[in-house]
PDB file of N, CA and C in Angstrom:
ATOM      1  N   MET A   1       0.828  -1.197   0.000  1.00  0.00           N
ATOM      2  CA  MET A   1       0.000   0.000   0.000  1.00  0.00           C
ATOM      3  C   MET A   1       0.871   1.259   0.000  1.00  0.00           C
ATOM      4  N   GLU A   2       1.914   1.247   0.819  1.00  0.00           N
ATOM      5  CA  GLU A   2       2.800   2.417   0.896  1.00  0.00           C
ATOM      6  C   GLU A   2       3.479   2.674  -0.441  1.00  0.00           C
ATOM      7  N   ASP A   3       3.843   1.589  -1.137  1.00  0.00           N
ATOM      8  CA  ASP A   3       4.497   1.722  -2.428  1.00  0.00           C
ATOM      9  C   ASP A   3       3.583   2.428  -3.431  1.00  0.00           C
ATOM     10  N   ILE A   4       2.302   2.102  -3.410  1.00  0.00           N
ATOM     11  CA  ILE A   4       1.331   2.736  -4.303  1.00  0.00           C
ATOM     12  C   ILE A   4       1.219   4.222  -3.982  1.00  0.00           C
ATOM     13  N   LEU A   5       1.177   4.546  -2.693  1.00  0.00           N
ATOM     14  CA  LEU A   5       1.096   5.952  -2.289  1.00  0.00           C
ATOM     15  C   LEU A   5       2.352   6.716  -2.687  1.00  0.00           C
ATOM     16  N   GLN A   6       3.518   6.085  -2.543  1.00  0.00           N
ATOM     17  CA  GLN A   6       4.766   6.733  -2.930  1.00  0.00           C
ATOM     18  C   GLN A   6       4.792   6.998  -4.434  1.00  0.00           C
ATOM     19  N   LYS A   7       4.320   6.032  -5.217  1.00  0.00           N
ATOM     20  CA  LYS A   7       4.283   6.215  -6.673  1.00  0.00           C
ATOM     21  C   LYS A   7       3.344   7.353  -7.050  1.00  0.00           C
ATOM     22  N   LYS A   8       2.161   7.386  -6.414  1.00  0.00           N
ATOM     23  CA  LYS A   8       1.195   8.445  -6.729  1.00  0.00           C
ATOM     24  C   LYS A   8       1.747   9.806  -6.302  1.00  0.00           C
ATOM     25  N   GLU A   9       2.434   9.835  -5.161  1.00  0.00           N
ATOM     26  CA  GLU A   9       3.031  11.094  -4.703  1.00  0.00           C
ATOM     27  C   GLU A   9       4.115  11.563  -5.668  1.00  0.00           C
ATOM     28  N   ARG A  10       4.902  10.631  -6.182  1.00  0.00           N
ATOM     29  CA  ARG A  10       5.954  10.994  -7.142  1.00  0.00           C
ATOM     30  C   ARG A  10       5.331  11.511  -8.440  1.00  0.00           C
ATOM     31  N   ILE A  11       4.305  10.827  -8.931  1.00  0.00           N
ATOM     32  CA  ILE A  11       3.626  11.277 -10.149  1.00  0.00           C
ATOM     33  C   ILE A  11       3.012  12.652  -9.917  1.00  0.00           C
ATOM     34  N   PHE A  12       2.455  12.862  -8.734  1.00  0.00           N
ATOM     35  CA  PHE A  12       1.890  14.168  -8.378  1.00  0.00           C
ATOM     36  C   PHE A  12       2.972  15.245  -8.489  1.00  0.00           C
ATOM     37  N   SER A  13       4.157  14.984  -7.924  1.00  0.00           N
ATOM     38  CA  SER A  13       5.258  15.952  -7.985  1.00  0.00           C
ATOM     39  C   SER A  13       5.721  16.167  -9.417  1.00  0.00           C
ATOM     40  N   LEU A  14       5.830  15.077 -10.179  1.00  0.00           N
ATOM     41  CA  LEU A  14       6.235  15.203 -11.577  1.00  0.00           C
ATOM     42  C   LEU A  14       5.204  16.002 -12.366  1.00  0.00           C
ATOM     43  N   PHE A  15       3.939  15.800 -12.049  1.00  0.00           N
ATOM     44  CA  PHE A  15       2.874  16.544 -12.717  1.00  0.00           C
ATOM     45  C   PHE A  15       2.991  18.030 -12.415  1.00  0.00           C
ATOM     46  N   GLN A  16       3.322  18.373 -11.173  1.00  0.00           N
ATOM     47  CA  GLN A  16       3.486  19.784 -10.822  1.00  0.00           C
ATOM     48  C   GLN A  16       4.625  20.422 -11.609  1.00  0.00           C
ATOM     49  N   ILE A  17       5.659  19.651 -11.889  1.00  0.00           N
ATOM     50  CA  ILE A  17       6.821  20.189 -12.602  1.00  0.00           C
ATOM     51  C   ILE A  17       6.615  20.170 -14.113  1.00  0.00           C
ATOM     52  N   TYR A  18       6.203  19.028 -14.650  1.00  0.00           N
ATOM     53  CA  TYR A  18       6.164  18.830 -16.103  1.00  0.00           C
ATOM     54  C   TYR A  18       4.757  18.782 -16.699  1.00  0.00           C
ATOM     55  N   GLY A  19       3.735  18.939 -15.886  1.00  0.00           N
ATOM     56  CA  GLY A  19       2.363  18.756 -16.352  1.00  0.00           C
ATOM     57  C   GLY A  19       1.991  19.583 -17.563  1.00  0.00           C
ATOM     58  N   LYS A  20       2.480  20.795 -17.646  1.00  0.00           N
ATOM     59  CA  LYS A  20       2.124  21.677 -18.765  1.00  0.00           C
ATOM     60  C   LYS A  20       2.691  21.174 -20.097  1.00  0.00           C
ATOM     61  N   LEU A  21       3.557  20.171 -20.048  1.00  0.00           N
ATOM     62  CA  LEU A  21       4.085  19.593 -21.282  1.00  0.00           C
ATOM     63  C   LEU A  21       3.129  18.555 -21.876  1.00  0.00           C
ATOM     64  N   LEU A  22       2.136  18.146 -21.099  1.00  0.00           N
ATOM     65  CA  LEU A  22       1.129  17.207 -21.587  1.00  0.00           C
ATOM     66  C   LEU A  22       0.132  17.930 -22.482  1.00  0.00           C
ATOM     67  N   THR A  23      -0.604  17.152 -23.266  1.00  0.00           N
ATOM     68  CA  THR A  23      -1.671  17.764 -24.054  1.00  0.00           C
ATOM     69  C   THR A  23      -2.733  18.303 -23.093  1.00  0.00           C
ATOM     70  N   GLU A  24      -3.548  19.209 -23.577  1.00  0.00           N
ATOM     71  CA  GLU A  24      -4.591  19.802 -22.744  1.00  0.00           C
ATOM     72  C   GLU A  24      -5.534  18.721 -22.193  1.00  0.00           C
ATOM     73  N   LYS A  25      -5.895  17.772 -23.042  1.00  0.00           N
ATOM     74  CA  LYS A  25      -6.797  16.695 -22.633  1.00  0.00           C
ATOM     75  C   LYS A  25      -6.156  15.831 -21.538  1.00  0.00           C
ATOM     76  N   ASN A  26      -4.907  15.440 -21.734  1.00  0.00           N
ATOM     77  CA  ASN A  26      -4.232  14.605 -20.743  1.00  0.00           C
ATOM     78  C   ASN A  26      -3.954  15.376 -19.451  1.00  0.00           C
ATOM     79  N   TYR A  27      -3.650  16.642 -19.585  1.00  0.00           N
ATOM     80  CA  TYR A  27      -3.455  17.482 -18.399  1.00  0.00           C
ATOM     81  C   TYR A  27      -4.730  17.514 -17.563  1.00  0.00           C
ATOM     82  N   ARG A  28      -5.855  17.744 -18.219  1.00  0.00           N
ATOM     83  CA  ARG A  28      -7.146  17.821 -17.533  1.00  0.00           C
ATOM     84  C   ARG A  28      -7.480  16.497 -16.834  1.00  0.00           C
ATOM     85  N   ARG A  29      -7.246  15.403 -17.518  1.00  0.00           N
ATOM     86  CA  ARG A  29      -7.538  14.091 -16.942  1.00  0.00           C
ATOM     87  C   ARG A  29      -6.636  13.786 -15.746  1.00  0.00           C
ATOM     88  N   MET A  30      -5.383  14.142 -15.852  1.00  0.00           N
ATOM     89  CA  MET A  30      -4.459  13.936 -14.729  1.00  0.00           C
ATOM     90  C   MET A  30      -4.853  14.827 -13.555  1.00  0.00           C
ATOM     91  N   GLU A  31      -5.287  16.015 -13.854  1.00  0.00           N
ATOM     92  CA  GLU A  31      -5.726  16.940 -12.811  1.00  0.00           C
ATOM     93  C   GLU A  31      -6.942  16.366 -12.060  1.00  0.00           C
ATOM     94  N   PHE A  32      -7.889  15.822 -12.811  1.00  0.00           N
ATOM     95  CA  PHE A  32      -9.044  15.164 -12.185  1.00  0.00           C
ATOM     96  C   PHE A  32      -8.579  14.025 -11.277  1.00  0.00           C
ATOM     97  N   PHE A  33      -7.656  13.235 -11.780  1.00  0.00           N
ATOM     98  CA  PHE A  33      -7.194  12.049 -11.066  1.00  0.00           C
ATOM     99  C   PHE A  33      -6.356  12.398  -9.837  1.00  0.00           C
ATOM    100  N   LEU A  34      -5.423  13.326  -9.992  1.00  0.00           N
ATOM    101  CA  LEU A  34      -4.487  13.641  -8.913  1.00  0.00           C
ATOM    102  C   LEU A  34      -5.011  14.674  -7.928  1.00  0.00           C
ATOM    103  N   PHE A  35      -5.582  15.759  -8.423  1.00  0.00           N
ATOM    104  CA  PHE A  35      -5.995  16.853  -7.546  1.00  0.00           C
ATOM    105  C   PHE A  35      -7.410  16.674  -7.005  1.00  0.00           C
ATOM    106  N   ASP A  36      -8.304  16.206  -7.874  1.00  0.00           N
ATOM    107  CA  ASP A  36      -9.694  16.054  -7.458  1.00  0.00           C
ATOM    108  C   ASP A  36      -9.983  14.666  -6.908  1.00  0.00           C
ATOM    109  N   ASP A  37      -9.013  13.755  -7.042  1.00  0.00           N
ATOM    110  CA  ASP A  37      -9.108  12.385  -6.539  1.00  0.00           C
ATOM    111  C   ASP A  37     -10.353  11.672  -7.065  1.00  0.00           C
ATOM    112  N   LEU A  38     -10.660  11.917  -8.340  1.00  0.00           N
ATOM    113  CA  LEU A  38     -11.799  11.257  -8.965  1.00  0.00           C
ATOM    114  C   LEU A  38     -11.391   9.869  -9.437  1.00  0.00           C
ATOM    115  N   SER A  39     -12.342   8.958  -9.435  1.00  0.00           N
ATOM    116  CA  SER A  39     -12.081   7.606  -9.932  1.00  0.00           C
ATOM    117  C   SER A  39     -12.039   7.626 -11.457  1.00  0.00           C
ATOM    118  N   LEU A  40     -11.531   6.546 -12.040  1.00  0.00           N
ATOM    119  CA  LEU A  40     -11.504   6.444 -13.495  1.00  0.00           C
ATOM    120  C   LEU A  40     -12.929   6.521 -14.057  1.00  0.00           C
ATOM    121  N   PHE A  41     -13.855   5.870 -13.374  1.00  0.00           N
ATOM    122  CA  PHE A  41     -15.254   5.890 -13.798  1.00  0.00           C
ATOM    123  C   PHE A  41     -15.814   7.316 -13.791  1.00  0.00           C
ATOM    124  N   GLU A  42     -15.538   8.068 -12.725  1.00  0.00           N
ATOM    125  CA  GLU A  42     -16.040   9.438 -12.623  1.00  0.00           C
ATOM    126  C   GLU A  42     -15.451  10.328 -13.719  1.00  0.00           C
ATOM    127  N   ILE A  43     -14.175  10.155 -13.977  1.00  0.00           N
ATOM    128  CA  ILE A  43     -13.526  10.945 -15.041  1.00  0.00           C
ATOM    129  C   ILE A  43     -14.112  10.562 -16.399  1.00  0.00           C
ATOM    130  N   ALA A  44     -14.325   9.269 -16.603  1.00  0.00           N
ATOM    131  CA  ALA A  44     -14.902   8.788 -17.864  1.00  0.00           C
ATOM    132  C   ALA A  44     -16.286   9.389 -18.091  1.00  0.00           C
ATOM    133  N   GLU A  45     -17.072   9.498 -17.038  1.00  0.00           N
ATOM    134  CA  GLU A  45     -18.400  10.112 -17.171  1.00  0.00           C
ATOM    135  C   GLU A  45     -18.295  11.577 -17.559  1.00  0.00           C
ATOM    136  N   ILE A  46     -17.379  12.291 -16.933  1.00  0.00           N
ATOM    137  CA  ILE A  46     -17.189  13.717 -17.239  1.00  0.00           C
ATOM    138  C   ILE A  46     -16.709  13.894 -18.682  1.00  0.00           C
ATOM    139  N   GLU A  47     -15.750  13.065 -19.075  1.00  0.00           N
ATOM    140  CA  GLU A  47     -15.141  13.178 -20.403  1.00  0.00           C
ATOM    141  C   GLU A  47     -15.974  12.505 -21.502  1.00  0.00           C
ATOM    142  N   LYS A  48     -16.990  11.735 -21.088  1.00  0.00           N
ATOM    143  CA  LYS A  48     -17.853  11.013 -22.028  1.00  0.00           C
ATOM    144  C   LYS A  48     -17.063  10.049 -22.918  1.00  0.00           C
ATOM    145  N   VAL A  49     -16.173   9.296 -22.262  1.00  0.00           N
ATOM    146  CA  VAL A  49     -15.398   8.251 -22.925  1.00  0.00           C
ATOM    147  C   VAL A  49     -15.415   7.013 -22.025  1.00  0.00           C
ATOM    148  N   SER A  50     -14.789   5.950 -22.482  1.00  0.00           N
ATOM    149  CA  SER A  50     -14.773   4.722 -21.683  1.00  0.00           C
ATOM    150  C   SER A  50     -13.785   4.847 -20.525  1.00  0.00           C
ATOM    151  N   ARG A  51     -14.001   4.027 -19.531  1.00  0.00           N
ATOM    152  CA  ARG A  51     -13.087   3.976 -18.389  1.00  0.00           C
ATOM    153  C   ARG A  51     -11.694   3.555 -18.853  1.00  0.00           C
ATOM    154  N   ASN A  52     -11.656   2.642 -19.830  1.00  0.00           N
ATOM    155  CA  ASN A  52     -10.372   2.183 -20.358  1.00  0.00           C
ATOM    156  C   ASN A  52      -9.613   3.324 -21.047  1.00  0.00           C
ATOM    157  N   ALA A  53     -10.333   4.209 -21.723  1.00  0.00           N
ATOM    158  CA  ALA A  53      -9.687   5.360 -22.374  1.00  0.00           C
ATOM    159  C   ALA A  53      -9.027   6.252 -21.322  1.00  0.00           C
ATOM    160  N   ILE A  54      -9.700   6.440 -20.200  1.00  0.00           N
ATOM    161  CA  ILE A  54      -9.138   7.256 -19.117  1.00  0.00           C
ATOM    162  C   ILE A  54      -7.934   6.546 -18.517  1.00  0.00           C
ATOM    163  N   PHE A  55      -8.072   5.242 -18.286  1.00  0.00           N
ATOM    164  CA  PHE A  55      -6.963   4.461 -17.742  1.00  0.00           C
ATOM    165  C   PHE A  55      -5.724   4.596 -18.627  1.00  0.00           C
ATOM    166  N   GLN A  56      -5.904   4.411 -19.929  1.00  0.00           N
ATOM    167  CA  GLN A  56      -4.783   4.509 -20.863  1.00  0.00           C
ATOM    168  C   GLN A  56      -4.196   5.912 -20.887  1.00  0.00           C
ATOM    169  N   SER A  57      -5.051   6.910 -20.845  1.00  0.00           N
ATOM    170  CA  SER A  57      -4.604   8.304 -20.855  1.00  0.00           C
ATOM    171  C   SER A  57      -3.752   8.609 -19.625  1.00  0.00           C
ATOM    172  N   ILE A  58      -4.210   8.190 -18.462  1.00  0.00           N
ATOM    173  CA  ILE A  58      -3.476   8.443 -17.217  1.00  0.00           C
ATOM    174  C   ILE A  58      -2.177   7.641 -17.193  1.00  0.00           C
ATOM    175  N   LYS A  59      -2.245   6.406 -17.642  1.00  0.00           N
ATOM    176  CA  LYS A  59      -1.040   5.566 -17.701  1.00  0.00           C
ATOM    177  C   LYS A  59       0.007   6.185 -18.641  1.00  0.00           C
ATOM    178  N   ASN A  60      -0.421   6.558 -19.838  1.00  0.00           N
ATOM    179  CA  ASN A  60       0.506   7.149 -20.811  1.00  0.00           C
ATOM    180  C   ASN A  60       1.045   8.499 -20.337  1.00  0.00           C
ATOM    181  N   SER A  61       0.188   9.297 -19.713  1.00  0.00           N
ATOM    182  CA  SER A  61       0.636  10.591 -19.192  1.00  0.00           C
ATOM    183  C   SER A  61       1.667  10.400 -18.083  1.00  0.00           C
ATOM    184  N   SER A  62       1.429   9.421 -17.218  1.00  0.00           N
ATOM    185  CA  SER A  62       2.384   9.124 -16.146  1.00  0.00           C
ATOM    186  C   SER A  62       3.726   8.699 -16.722  1.00  0.00           C
ATOM    187  N   LEU A  63       3.686   7.846 -17.730  1.00  0.00           N
ATOM    188  CA  LEU A  63       4.930   7.414 -18.381  1.00  0.00           C
ATOM    189  C   LEU A  63       5.644   8.590 -19.042  1.00  0.00           C
ATOM    190  N   GLU A  64       4.867   9.495 -19.615  1.00  0.00           N
ATOM    191  CA  GLU A  64       5.445  10.685 -20.241  1.00  0.00           C
ATOM    192  C   GLU A  64       6.121  11.576 -19.194  1.00  0.00           C
ATOM    193  N   LEU A  65       5.488  11.742 -18.038  1.00  0.00           N
ATOM    194  CA  LEU A  65       6.083  12.540 -16.960  1.00  0.00           C
ATOM    195  C   LEU A  65       7.374  11.901 -16.467  1.00  0.00           C
ATOM    196  N   VAL A  66       7.386  10.583 -16.341  1.00  0.00           N
ATOM    197  CA  VAL A  66       8.592   9.867 -15.921  1.00  0.00           C
ATOM    198  C   VAL A  66       9.687  10.035 -16.979  1.00  0.00           C
ATOM    199  N   PHE A  67       9.312   9.995 -18.246  1.00  0.00           N
ATOM    200  CA  PHE A  67      10.267  10.201 -19.339  1.00  0.00           C
ATOM    201  C   PHE A  67      10.929  11.580 -19.232  1.00  0.00           C
ATOM    202  N   TYR A  68      10.111  12.610 -18.994  1.00  0.00           N
ATOM    203  CA  TYR A  68      10.666  13.962 -18.856  1.00  0.00           C
ATOM    204  C   TYR A  68      11.633  14.026 -17.679  1.00  0.00           C
ATOM    205  N   GLU A  69      11.272  13.387 -16.580  1.00  0.00           N
ATOM    206  CA  GLU A  69      12.141  13.411 -15.403  1.00  0.00           C
ATOM    207  C   GLU A  69      13.463  12.704 -15.687  1.00  0.00           C
ATOM    208  N   LYS A  70      13.413  11.596 -16.421  1.00  0.00           N
ATOM    209  CA  LYS A  70      14.654  10.884 -16.758  1.00  0.00           C
ATOM    210  C   LYS A  70      15.571  11.750 -17.611  1.00  0.00           C
ATOM    211  N   LYS A  71      14.994  12.555 -18.483  1.00  0.00           N
ATOM    212  CA  LYS A  71      15.787  13.415 -19.363  1.00  0.00           C
ATOM    213  C   LYS A  71      16.271  14.683 -18.651  1.00  0.00           C
ATOM    214  N   ILE A  72      15.399  15.303 -17.864  1.00  0.00           N
ATOM    215  CA  ILE A  72      15.703  16.610 -17.265  1.00  0.00           C
ATOM    216  C   ILE A  72      16.196  16.494 -15.826  1.00  0.00           C
ATOM    217  N   ASN A  73      15.664  15.511 -15.102  1.00  0.00           N
ATOM    218  CA  ASN A  73      16.120  15.191 -13.736  1.00  0.00           C
ATOM    219  C   ASN A  73      15.883  16.314 -12.724  1.00  0.00           C
ATOM    220  N   LEU A  74      14.878  17.111 -12.931  1.00  0.00           N
ATOM    221  CA  LEU A  74      14.626  18.248 -12.054  1.00  0.00           C
ATOM    222  C   LEU A  74      14.125  17.831 -10.677  1.00  0.00           C
ATOM    223  N   LEU A  75      13.173  16.911 -10.609  1.00  0.00           N
ATOM    224  CA  LEU A  75      12.627  16.500  -9.315  1.00  0.00           C
ATOM    225  C   LEU A  75      13.701  15.880  -8.430  1.00  0.00           C
ATOM    226  N   ASP A  76      14.477  14.973  -8.977  1.00  0.00           N
ATOM    227  CA  ASP A  76      15.522  14.330  -8.179  1.00  0.00           C
ATOM    228  C   ASP A  76      16.552  15.345  -7.680  1.00  0.00           C
ATOM    229  N   ASN A  77      16.885  16.311  -8.518  1.00  0.00           N
ATOM    230  CA  ASN A  77      17.818  17.360  -8.088  1.00  0.00           C
ATOM    231  C   ASN A  77      17.213  18.234  -6.994  1.00  0.00           C
ATOM    232  N   LEU A  78      15.923  18.519  -7.089  1.00  0.00           N
ATOM    233  CA  LEU A  78      15.259  19.313  -6.056  1.00  0.00           C
ATOM    234  C   LEU A  78      15.187  18.546  -4.732  1.00  0.00           C
ATOM    235  N   ILE A  79      14.952  17.250  -4.809  1.00  0.00           N
ATOM    236  CA  ILE A  79      14.920  16.419  -3.598  1.00  0.00           C
ATOM    237  C   ILE A  79      16.293  16.415  -2.934  1.00  0.00           C
ATOM    238  N   LYS A  80      17.343  16.265  -3.728  1.00  0.00           N
ATOM    239  CA  LYS A  80      18.705  16.297  -3.181  1.00  0.00           C
ATOM    240  C   LYS A  80      19.009  17.645  -2.539  1.00  0.00           C
ATOM    241  N   LEU A  81      18.580  18.730  -3.195  1.00  0.00           N
ATOM    242  CA  LEU A  81      18.787  20.065  -2.645  1.00  0.00           C
ATOM    243  C   LEU A  81      18.049  20.225  -1.325  1.00  0.00           C
ATOM    244  N   LYS A  82      16.821  19.733  -1.266  1.00  0.00           N
ATOM    245  CA  LYS A  82      16.032  19.810  -0.035  1.00  0.00           C
ATOM    246  C   LYS A  82      16.731  19.055   1.099  1.00  0.00           C
ATOM    247  N   GLU A  83      17.255  17.880   0.805  1.00  0.00           N
ATOM    248  CA  GLU A  83      17.967  17.089   1.820  1.00  0.00           C
ATOM    249  C   GLU A  83      19.201  17.823   2.326  1.00  0.00           C
ATOM    250  N   LYS A  84      19.927  18.482   1.423  1.00  0.00           N
ATOM    251  CA  LYS A  84      21.111  19.243   1.821  1.00  0.00           C
ATOM    252  C   LYS A  84      20.736  20.429   2.696  1.00  0.00           C
ATOM    253  N   ILE A  85      19.664  21.124   2.329  1.00  0.00           N
ATOM    254  CA  ILE A  85      19.214  22.273   3.117  1.00  0.00           C
ATOM    255  C   ILE A  85      18.800  21.833   4.510  1.00  0.00           C
ATOM    256  N   GLU A  86      18.113  20.699   4.601  1.00  0.00           N
ATOM    257  CA  GLU A  86      17.658  20.193   5.901  1.00  0.00           C
ATOM    258  C   GLU A  86      18.822  19.835   6.818  1.00  0.00           C
ATOM    259  N   LYS A  87      19.974  19.474   6.245  1.00  0.00           N
ATOM    260  CA  LYS A  87      21.139  19.084   7.039  1.00  0.00           C
ATOM    261  C   LYS A  87      21.927  20.286   7.569  1.00  0.00           C
ATOM    262  N   ILE A  88      21.667  21.470   7.034  1.00  0.00           N
ATOM    263  CA  ILE A  88      22.401  22.661   7.436  1.00  0.00           C
ATOM    264  C   ILE A  88      22.061  23.013   8.879  1.00  0.00           C
ATOM    265  N   ASP A  89      23.105  23.192   9.688  1.00  0.00           N
ATOM    266  CA  ASP A  89      22.898  23.688  11.050  1.00  0.00           C
ATOM    267  C   ASP A  89      22.781  25.197  10.975  1.00  0.00           C
ATOM    268  N   GLY A  90      21.897  25.744  11.768  1.00  0.00           N
ATOM    269  CA  GLY A  90      21.800  27.198  11.773  1.00  0.00           C
ATOM    270  C   GLY A  90      20.381  27.680  11.888  1.00  0.00           C
ATOM    271  N   ASN A  91      20.193  28.873  11.434  1.00  0.00           N
ATOM    272  CA  ASN A  91      18.940  29.592  11.572  1.00  0.00           C
ATOM    273  C   ASN A  91      17.810  28.892  10.808  1.00  0.00           C
ATOM    274  N   GLU A  92      16.809  28.434  11.543  1.00  0.00           N
ATOM    275  CA  GLU A  92      15.675  27.735  10.940  1.00  0.00           C
ATOM    276  C   GLU A  92      14.869  28.654  10.028  1.00  0.00           C
ATOM    277  N   GLU A  93      14.828  29.929  10.374  1.00  0.00           N
ATOM    278  CA  GLU A  93      14.082  30.898   9.572  1.00  0.00           C
ATOM    279  C   GLU A  93      14.711  31.036   8.184  1.00  0.00           C
ATOM    280  N   ILE A  94      16.033  31.056   8.126  1.00  0.00           N
ATOM    281  CA  ILE A  94      16.740  31.166   6.849  1.00  0.00           C
ATOM    282  C   ILE A  94      16.532  29.894   6.036  1.00  0.00           C
ATOM    283  N   LYS A  95      16.631  28.727   6.685  1.00  0.00           N
ATOM    284  CA  LYS A  95      16.412  27.460   5.998  1.00  0.00           C
ATOM    285  C   LYS A  95      15.003  27.406   5.409  1.00  0.00           C
ATOM    286  N   GLU A  96      14.024  27.835   6.198  1.00  0.00           N
ATOM    287  CA  GLU A  96      12.634  27.824   5.742  1.00  0.00           C
ATOM    288  C   GLU A  96      12.457  28.774   4.558  1.00  0.00           C
ATOM    289  N   SER A  97      13.115  29.918   4.600  1.00  0.00           N
ATOM    290  CA  SER A  97      13.038  30.880   3.508  1.00  0.00           C
ATOM    291  C   SER A  97      13.620  30.289   2.224  1.00  0.00           C
ATOM    292  N   ILE A  98      14.756  29.629   2.331  1.00  0.00           N
ATOM    293  CA  ILE A  98      15.389  28.996   1.165  1.00  0.00           C
ATOM    294  C   ILE A  98      14.486  27.916   0.597  1.00  0.00           C
ATOM    295  N   MET A  99      13.901  27.120   1.497  1.00  0.00           N
ATOM    296  CA  MET A  99      13.018  26.046   1.059  1.00  0.00           C
ATOM    297  C   MET A  99      11.811  26.616   0.301  1.00  0.00           C
ATOM    298  N   LYS A 100      11.207  27.662   0.826  1.00  0.00           N
ATOM    299  CA  LYS A 100      10.028  28.253   0.177  1.00  0.00           C
ATOM    300  C   LYS A 100      10.381  28.838  -1.171  1.00  0.00           C
ATOM    301  N   GLU A 101      11.519  29.509  -1.262  1.00  0.00           N
ATOM    302  CA  GLU A 101      11.926  30.152  -2.511  1.00  0.00           C
ATOM    303  C   GLU A 101      12.266  29.144  -3.600  1.00  0.00           C
ATOM    304  N   ASN A 102      12.885  28.018  -3.210  1.00  0.00           N
ATOM    305  CA  ASN A 102      13.421  27.094  -4.203  1.00  0.00           C
ATOM    306  C   ASN A 102      12.645  25.800  -4.359  1.00  0.00           C
ATOM    307  N   LEU A 103      11.902  25.406  -3.353  1.00  0.00           N
ATOM    308  CA  LEU A 103      11.299  24.080  -3.402  1.00  0.00           C
ATOM    309  C   LEU A 103       9.801  24.096  -3.175  1.00  0.00           C
ATOM    310  N   TYR A 104       9.154  25.200  -3.370  1.00  0.00           N
ATOM    311  CA  TYR A 104       7.728  25.302  -3.116  1.00  0.00           C
ATOM    312  C   TYR A 104       6.955  24.238  -3.886  1.00  0.00           C
ATOM    313  N   GLY A 105       6.163  23.460  -3.163  1.00  0.00           N
ATOM    314  CA  GLY A 105       5.320  22.439  -3.787  1.00  0.00           C
ATOM    315  C   GLY A 105       5.971  21.106  -4.016  1.00  0.00           C
ATOM    316  N   ILE A 106       7.219  20.975  -3.632  1.00  0.00           N
ATOM    317  CA  ILE A 106       7.913  19.695  -3.842  1.00  0.00           C
ATOM    318  C   ILE A 106       8.051  18.967  -2.522  1.00  0.00           C
TER     319      ILE A 106
END
């Protein structure tokens, strides 16, 4: 169960970074799935297509987001930066400011 949640959380983060690179239709469907937490059936009803069409769209969009991350590596670099910032001894206010400026939403 935790593995599924970790995967969905990673896709959510990748969507926040690379989502605008998806087609408008796939972006909308991913938004329904990730942000609105709608089921495939609910999205299919809204989009007036089959549940399988939504499943394939979300699956392909997720693979596309993973592809972008493999090429650009932005999320992994941001995670590493966050870990380094967290290890810094010192003023918590400054650390929090750096985190907000550079890692908002990740």
